[in-house]
N, C-alpha and C. Protein backbone atom coordinates (compact mmCIF):
# COMPACT_ATOMS: atom_id res chain seq x y z
N UNK A 1 -11.86 3.75 -53.69
CA UNK A 1 -11.38 2.78 -54.03
C UNK A 1 -12.61 1.93 -54.94
N UNK A 2 -11.61 0.97 -55.98
CA UNK A 2 -12.04 0.65 -57.36
C UNK A 2 -12.87 -0.54 -57.15
N UNK A 3 -14.06 -0.86 -57.65
CA UNK A 3 -14.81 -1.60 -57.23
C UNK A 3 -14.14 -3.44 -57.57
N UNK A 4 -14.80 -4.03 -57.38
CA UNK A 4 -14.80 -5.39 -57.28
C UNK A 4 -13.04 -6.10 -56.76
N UNK A 5 -12.81 -7.31 -56.34
CA UNK A 5 -11.86 -8.08 -56.12
C UNK A 5 -10.82 -8.11 -56.93
N UNK A 6 -9.30 -8.05 -57.21
CA UNK A 6 -8.70 -7.96 -58.38
C UNK A 6 -7.93 -9.02 -57.89
N UNK A 7 -7.48 -10.37 -58.82
CA UNK A 7 -6.51 -10.94 -59.02
C UNK A 7 -5.62 -10.92 -59.92
N UNK A 8 -4.16 -11.65 -59.64
CA UNK A 8 -3.64 -11.80 -60.89
C UNK A 8 -2.93 -13.00 -61.66
N UNK A 9 -3.72 -13.00 -62.38
CA UNK A 9 -4.24 -14.10 -63.44
C UNK A 9 -2.80 -14.25 -64.06
N UNK A 10 -2.37 -15.33 -65.05
CA UNK A 10 -1.25 -16.12 -65.64
C UNK A 10 -0.98 -15.14 -66.64
N UNK A 11 0.41 -15.15 -66.60
CA UNK A 11 0.58 -13.90 -68.24
C UNK A 11 0.48 -12.41 -67.20
N UNK A 12 0.23 -12.53 -66.23
CA UNK A 12 0.10 -11.55 -65.40
C UNK A 12 -0.93 -10.50 -65.65
N UNK A 13 -2.00 -11.39 -66.26
CA UNK A 13 -3.18 -10.50 -66.85
C UNK A 13 -4.37 -10.11 -65.36
N UNK A 14 -5.01 -9.25 -65.90
CA UNK A 14 -5.43 -8.30 -64.02
C UNK A 14 -6.68 -9.04 -64.26
N UNK A 15 -7.46 -9.57 -63.36
CA UNK A 15 -8.63 -9.92 -63.47
C UNK A 15 -9.18 -9.80 -62.29
N UNK A 16 -10.94 -9.17 -62.92
CA UNK A 16 -11.84 -8.87 -61.86
C UNK A 16 -13.21 -9.52 -61.10
N UNK A 17 -13.33 -9.80 -60.05
CA UNK A 17 -14.31 -10.14 -59.67
C UNK A 17 -15.09 -8.73 -59.04
N UNK A 18 -16.59 -9.33 -59.83
CA UNK A 18 -17.88 -8.43 -58.66
C UNK A 18 -18.39 -8.61 -57.40
N UNK A 19 -18.36 -7.83 -56.65
CA UNK A 19 -18.97 -8.66 -55.13
C UNK A 19 -20.30 -8.70 -54.86
N UNK A 20 -21.05 -8.27 -55.59
CA UNK A 20 -22.27 -7.91 -55.95
C UNK A 20 -23.21 -7.47 -56.93
N UNK A 21 -24.59 -7.05 -57.43
CA UNK A 21 -24.78 -7.18 -58.68
C UNK A 21 -24.62 -5.64 -59.28
N UNK A 22 -23.99 -4.51 -58.10
CA UNK A 22 -23.79 -3.02 -58.19
C UNK A 22 -22.62 -3.56 -58.70
N UNK A 23 -21.87 -4.15 -58.28
CA UNK A 23 -20.12 -3.94 -58.13
C UNK A 23 -20.40 -4.95 -60.20
N UNK A 24 -21.38 -6.00 -60.24
CA UNK A 24 -20.79 -6.18 -61.50
C UNK A 24 -21.37 -6.04 -62.56
N UNK A 25 -22.22 -4.53 -62.29
CA UNK A 25 -22.66 -3.41 -63.32
C UNK A 25 -21.14 -2.72 -63.34
N UNK A 26 -20.33 -2.56 -62.59
CA UNK A 26 -19.18 -1.39 -63.05
C UNK A 26 -18.25 -2.24 -63.49
N UNK A 27 -17.98 -3.45 -63.22
CA UNK A 27 -16.83 -4.54 -63.63
C UNK A 27 -16.95 -4.56 -65.18
N UNK A 28 -18.22 -4.77 -65.75
CA UNK A 28 -18.88 -5.52 -66.69
C UNK A 28 -18.72 -4.09 -67.47
N UNK A 29 -19.37 -3.07 -67.39
CA UNK A 29 -19.95 -1.70 -67.99
C UNK A 29 -19.44 -0.34 -68.07
N UNK A 30 -18.21 -0.50 -66.80
CA UNK A 30 -17.27 0.64 -66.45
C UNK A 30 -15.95 0.54 -66.68
N UNK A 31 -15.39 -0.77 -66.35
CA UNK A 31 -13.99 -1.10 -65.83
C UNK A 31 -13.44 -1.86 -67.26
N UNK A 32 -14.48 -2.87 -68.11
CA UNK A 32 -13.79 -4.07 -68.73
C UNK A 32 -13.96 -3.17 -70.07
N UNK A 33 -13.40 -2.92 -71.02
CA UNK A 33 -13.29 -2.94 -72.78
C UNK A 33 -13.72 -3.89 -73.34
N UNK A 34 -14.20 -3.34 -74.43
CA UNK A 34 -14.82 -4.42 -75.56
C UNK A 34 -14.31 -5.64 -76.25
N UNK A 35 -13.06 -4.92 -75.60
CA UNK A 35 -12.01 -6.73 -76.16
C UNK A 35 -11.40 -7.88 -75.39
N UNK A 36 -11.92 -7.03 -73.37
CA UNK A 36 -11.88 -8.01 -72.66
C UNK A 36 -12.27 -9.50 -72.48
N UNK A 37 -12.02 -10.06 -71.92
CA UNK A 37 -12.73 -11.76 -71.65
C UNK A 37 -13.82 -11.54 -70.60
N UNK A 38 -15.37 -11.73 -71.02
CA UNK A 38 -16.21 -11.79 -69.86
C UNK A 38 -16.48 -12.98 -69.67
N UNK A 39 -16.61 -13.31 -67.98
CA UNK A 39 -17.31 -14.66 -67.77
C UNK A 39 -18.33 -14.51 -66.41
N UNK A 40 -19.50 -15.36 -66.71
CA UNK A 40 -19.97 -15.88 -65.63
C UNK A 40 -20.89 -17.39 -65.88
N UNK A 41 -20.96 -17.63 -64.57
CA UNK A 41 -21.22 -18.84 -64.46
C UNK A 41 -22.84 -19.04 -64.71
N UNK A 42 -22.84 -20.67 -65.47
CA UNK A 42 -24.00 -20.84 -66.04
C UNK A 42 -25.39 -21.33 -65.39
N UNK A 43 -26.71 -20.51 -65.45
CA UNK A 43 -27.42 -21.05 -64.87
C UNK A 43 -27.12 -20.64 -63.23
N UNK A 44 -26.90 -20.00 -62.91
CA UNK A 44 -26.68 -20.08 -61.44
C UNK A 44 -26.10 -18.20 -61.60
N UNK A 45 -26.99 -17.19 -59.84
CA UNK A 45 -26.06 -16.25 -59.91
C UNK A 45 -24.96 -15.88 -59.51
N UNK A 46 -24.40 -15.06 -60.15
CA UNK A 46 -22.77 -15.02 -59.21
C UNK A 46 -22.06 -13.64 -59.74
N UNK A 47 -20.94 -13.91 -59.25
CA UNK A 47 -20.23 -12.96 -60.26
C UNK A 47 -19.47 -12.21 -61.34
N UNK A 48 -19.44 -11.30 -62.35
CA UNK A 48 -19.01 -11.28 -63.16
C UNK A 48 -17.42 -11.32 -62.94
N UNK A 49 -17.04 -11.73 -64.06
CA UNK A 49 -15.03 -11.97 -63.85
C UNK A 49 -15.06 -11.24 -65.05
N UNK A 50 -14.48 -10.56 -65.04
CA UNK A 50 -13.54 -9.59 -66.43
C UNK A 50 -11.36 -10.34 -66.37
N UNK A 51 -11.22 -10.65 -67.06
CA UNK A 51 -9.80 -10.77 -67.92
C UNK A 51 -9.65 -9.59 -68.59
N UNK A 52 -8.85 -8.69 -67.89
CA UNK A 52 -8.31 -7.56 -68.88
C UNK A 52 -7.54 -8.03 -69.82
N UNK A 53 -7.92 -8.17 -70.99
CA UNK A 53 -6.59 -9.08 -72.09
C UNK A 53 -5.74 -7.79 -72.61
N UNK A 54 -5.99 -6.45 -72.57
CA UNK A 54 -4.84 -5.47 -72.75
C UNK A 54 -4.52 -5.77 -74.33
N UNK A 55 -5.68 -5.88 -75.10
CA UNK A 55 -5.60 -5.65 -76.57
C UNK A 55 -4.97 -7.01 -77.18
N UNK A 56 -4.53 -7.89 -76.37
CA UNK A 56 -3.82 -8.79 -76.74
C UNK A 56 -5.18 -10.09 -76.66
N UNK A 57 -5.04 -11.58 -77.32
CA UNK A 57 -5.72 -12.77 -76.92
C UNK A 57 -5.86 -13.08 -75.34
N UNK A 58 -7.02 -13.39 -74.88
CA UNK A 58 -6.39 -14.28 -73.80
C UNK A 58 -6.43 -15.42 -73.70
N UNK A 59 -5.05 -15.90 -73.32
CA UNK A 59 -4.53 -17.52 -73.05
C UNK A 59 -5.48 -18.60 -72.13
N UNK A 60 -5.50 -19.46 -73.10
CA UNK A 60 -6.74 -20.96 -72.16
C UNK A 60 -6.43 -20.85 -70.85
N UNK A 61 -5.19 -20.60 -70.47
CA UNK A 61 -5.25 -21.03 -69.03
C UNK A 61 -5.81 -20.00 -68.53
N UNK A 62 -5.29 -18.70 -68.86
CA UNK A 62 -5.98 -17.71 -68.20
C UNK A 62 -7.61 -17.82 -68.30
N UNK A 63 -8.18 -18.32 -69.23
CA UNK A 63 -9.56 -18.30 -69.03
C UNK A 63 -9.97 -19.15 -68.22
N UNK A 64 -9.39 -20.61 -67.91
CA UNK A 64 -9.66 -21.11 -67.00
C UNK A 64 -9.52 -20.75 -65.55
N UNK A 65 -8.56 -20.31 -65.21
CA UNK A 65 -7.82 -19.18 -64.29
C UNK A 65 -9.71 -18.22 -63.92
N UNK A 66 -9.87 -17.48 -64.51
CA UNK A 66 -11.02 -16.42 -64.53
C UNK A 66 -12.20 -17.29 -63.97
N UNK A 67 -12.22 -18.84 -65.22
CA UNK A 67 -13.69 -19.38 -64.81
C UNK A 67 -13.92 -20.23 -63.96
N UNK A 68 -12.46 -20.54 -62.68
CA UNK A 68 -12.49 -21.06 -61.89
C UNK A 68 -13.00 -19.57 -60.21
N UNK A 69 -12.47 -18.90 -60.57
CA UNK A 69 -13.43 -17.69 -60.00
C UNK A 69 -14.43 -17.68 -60.08
N UNK A 70 -14.88 -17.31 -61.17
CA UNK A 70 -16.59 -17.29 -61.54
C UNK A 70 -17.55 -18.12 -60.78
N UNK A 71 -16.77 -19.57 -61.00
CA UNK A 71 -17.63 -20.72 -60.28
C UNK A 71 -17.96 -20.55 -58.57
N UNK A 72 -16.68 -20.04 -58.29
CA UNK A 72 -16.17 -19.84 -56.51
C UNK A 72 -17.36 -18.72 -56.34
N UNK A 73 -17.11 -17.51 -56.89
CA UNK A 73 -17.85 -16.61 -56.46
C UNK A 73 -19.63 -16.64 -57.35
N UNK A 74 -20.29 -17.59 -57.02
CA UNK A 74 -21.60 -17.94 -57.57
C UNK A 74 -22.16 -18.80 -56.46
N UNK A 75 -23.04 -19.38 -56.64
CA UNK A 75 -23.98 -20.37 -56.39
C UNK A 75 -23.60 -21.21 -56.52
N UNK A 76 -23.16 -21.70 -57.29
CA UNK A 76 -22.79 -23.30 -57.53
C UNK A 76 -21.38 -23.48 -57.10
N UNK A 77 -20.75 -22.46 -56.10
CA UNK A 77 -19.20 -22.88 -55.52
C UNK A 77 -19.33 -23.81 -54.72
N UNK A 78 -20.43 -24.54 -54.52
CA UNK A 78 -20.26 -26.11 -54.10
C UNK A 78 -20.01 -27.40 -54.92
N UNK A 79 -20.55 -27.18 -56.27
CA UNK A 79 -20.54 -27.93 -57.03
C UNK A 79 -18.95 -28.77 -57.55
N UNK A 80 -19.19 -29.65 -57.81
CA UNK A 80 -17.70 -30.27 -58.79
C UNK A 80 -17.45 -29.69 -59.81
N UNK A 81 -18.22 -30.20 -61.05
CA UNK A 81 -18.16 -29.71 -62.02
C UNK A 81 -19.03 -28.24 -62.30
N UNK A 82 -18.60 -27.36 -63.04
CA UNK A 82 -19.71 -25.98 -63.18
C UNK A 82 -19.25 -25.61 -64.52
N UNK A 83 -20.28 -25.23 -65.53
CA UNK A 83 -20.71 -24.61 -66.55
C UNK A 83 -20.18 -23.35 -66.35
N UNK A 84 -18.98 -22.61 -66.92
CA UNK A 84 -18.80 -21.23 -66.95
C UNK A 84 -18.65 -20.74 -68.50
N UNK A 85 -19.46 -19.71 -68.56
CA UNK A 85 -19.99 -19.53 -69.98
C UNK A 85 -18.54 -18.10 -69.98
N UNK A 86 -18.12 -17.70 -71.06
CA UNK A 86 -17.51 -16.44 -71.34
C UNK A 86 -17.58 -16.50 -73.01
N UNK A 87 -17.34 -15.02 -73.19
CA UNK A 87 -17.18 -14.19 -74.35
C UNK A 87 -16.65 -12.83 -74.09
N UNK A 88 -16.30 -12.20 -75.42
CA UNK A 88 -16.21 -10.86 -75.19
C UNK A 88 -17.06 -10.04 -74.48
N UNK A 89 -16.44 -8.94 -73.97
CA UNK A 89 -16.96 -7.97 -73.08
C UNK A 89 -17.86 -7.44 -74.47
N UNK A 90 -17.70 -7.27 -75.72
CA UNK A 90 -18.49 -6.39 -76.41
C UNK A 90 -20.11 -7.22 -76.60
N UNK A 91 -19.85 -8.53 -76.64
CA UNK A 91 -21.29 -9.35 -76.60
C UNK A 91 -22.05 -9.80 -75.44
N UNK A 92 -21.83 -8.34 -74.19
CA UNK A 92 -22.58 -8.38 -73.17
C UNK A 92 -23.20 -7.15 -73.15
N UNK A 93 -24.60 -7.47 -73.11
CA UNK A 93 -25.00 -6.03 -73.16
C UNK A 93 -26.41 -5.51 -71.75
N UNK A 94 -26.98 -5.24 -71.42
CA UNK A 94 -27.96 -4.70 -70.23
C UNK A 94 -29.22 -4.52 -70.95
N UNK A 95 -30.17 -5.38 -70.89
CA UNK A 95 -31.37 -5.23 -71.49
C UNK A 95 -31.99 -4.00 -71.15
N UNK A 96 -32.55 -2.98 -71.34
CA UNK A 96 -33.82 -1.80 -70.65
C UNK A 96 -34.44 -2.25 -69.71
N UNK A 97 -33.95 -1.35 -68.56
CA UNK A 97 -35.22 -1.41 -67.35
C UNK A 97 -34.56 -2.60 -66.68
N UNK A 98 -33.64 -3.78 -66.58
CA UNK A 98 -32.83 -4.57 -66.42
C UNK A 98 -32.23 -3.76 -64.52
N UNK A 99 -32.58 -5.02 -63.73
CA UNK A 99 -32.28 -4.58 -62.26
C UNK A 99 -30.43 -4.56 -62.61
N UNK A 100 -29.77 -4.26 -61.86
CA UNK A 100 -28.50 -3.89 -60.95
C UNK A 100 -28.06 -5.89 -61.25
N UNK A 101 -26.53 -5.93 -62.04
CA UNK A 101 -26.31 -7.26 -62.50
C UNK A 101 -26.66 -8.04 -63.50
N UNK A 102 -27.55 -7.65 -64.16
CA UNK A 102 -28.74 -8.49 -64.99
C UNK A 102 -28.19 -8.00 -66.40
N UNK A 103 -28.01 -9.26 -67.29
CA UNK A 103 -27.17 -8.85 -68.58
C UNK A 103 -27.75 -10.05 -69.46
N UNK A 104 -27.36 -9.98 -70.69
CA UNK A 104 -27.59 -10.49 -71.44
C UNK A 104 -26.11 -11.04 -72.56
N UNK A 105 -26.00 -11.94 -72.90
CA UNK A 105 -24.82 -11.86 -73.94
C UNK A 105 -24.63 -13.10 -75.00
N UNK A 106 -24.01 -13.28 -75.88
CA UNK A 106 -23.63 -13.86 -77.24
C UNK A 106 -23.09 -14.51 -77.65
N UNK A 107 -22.79 -15.40 -78.48
CA UNK A 107 -21.35 -16.09 -78.92
C UNK A 107 -20.57 -15.88 -77.97
N UNK A 108 -21.19 -17.38 -76.37
CA UNK A 108 -20.17 -17.72 -75.51
C UNK A 108 -19.70 -18.86 -75.83
N UNK A 109 -19.20 -19.08 -75.21
CA UNK A 109 -18.39 -20.42 -74.84
C UNK A 109 -18.40 -21.08 -73.92
N UNK A 110 -18.53 -22.40 -73.19
CA UNK A 110 -18.05 -22.72 -72.40
C UNK A 110 -17.47 -23.61 -71.71
N UNK A 111 -16.83 -23.34 -70.64
CA UNK A 111 -15.85 -24.63 -70.13
C UNK A 111 -16.32 -24.99 -68.63
N UNK A 112 -16.26 -26.12 -68.40
CA UNK A 112 -16.55 -26.63 -67.09
C UNK A 112 -15.06 -26.64 -66.06
N UNK A 113 -14.96 -26.46 -65.08
CA UNK A 113 -14.32 -26.11 -63.72
C UNK A 113 -14.85 -26.70 -62.57
N UNK A 114 -13.99 -26.54 -61.57
CA UNK A 114 -13.95 -26.93 -60.40
C UNK A 114 -13.78 -25.38 -59.59
N UNK A 115 -14.96 -25.01 -58.61
CA UNK A 115 -14.63 -23.60 -58.56
C UNK A 115 -13.52 -23.48 -57.36
N UNK A 116 -13.10 -22.46 -57.58
CA UNK A 116 -11.30 -21.64 -56.84
C UNK A 116 -11.08 -20.25 -56.32
N UNK A 117 -11.26 -20.34 -55.18
CA UNK A 117 -10.93 -18.65 -55.06
C UNK A 117 -9.41 -18.89 -54.94
N UNK A 118 -8.24 -19.80 -54.85
CA UNK A 118 -7.19 -19.46 -55.50
C UNK A 118 -6.81 -20.39 -56.82
N UNK A 119 -7.34 -20.13 -57.74
CA UNK A 119 -6.86 -21.02 -58.84
C UNK A 119 -5.55 -21.27 -59.18
N UNK A 120 -4.52 -20.36 -58.29
CA UNK A 120 -2.93 -20.51 -59.18
C UNK A 120 -2.60 -22.24 -58.88
N UNK A 121 -3.82 -23.44 -57.88
CA UNK A 121 -2.98 -24.11 -57.05
C UNK A 121 -2.91 -24.44 -55.67
N UNK A 122 -2.82 -23.42 -55.16
CA UNK A 122 -2.49 -23.04 -53.43
C UNK A 122 -3.63 -23.54 -53.04
N UNK A 123 -5.03 -23.73 -53.84
CA UNK A 123 -5.89 -23.66 -53.12
C UNK A 123 -5.99 -25.15 -52.52
N UNK A 124 -6.30 -25.61 -50.91
CA UNK A 124 -5.95 -26.72 -50.17
C UNK A 124 -7.22 -27.42 -49.95
N UNK A 125 -8.58 -26.98 -50.61
CA UNK A 125 -9.85 -27.35 -50.43
C UNK A 125 -10.65 -26.71 -49.43
């Protein structure tokens, strides 16, 4: 069984969501490639979310789709506007001796979204 929850995002892009610290490590460091987009909610614990870019650019609507998932699968899930950082996977690294799921990242941008586990618009609240 492959780790993570899988979503089909805009443009058919595959979106992976880690369900716990161990899966976060697997999604980020085993399944994601360097040019994939990596997302994590800002300032809270939560899932690592990866958009598999398939060697292309990730369109902004796919960024927002994945950001809503990152917010929904985090401790900020009950908030209205949640800051979600995103960067290329190659800008994410694990500090020496860090526990599972703990990472550092750089060159991130931030989007503000409403958490949703069904970000295609079928979420009725």
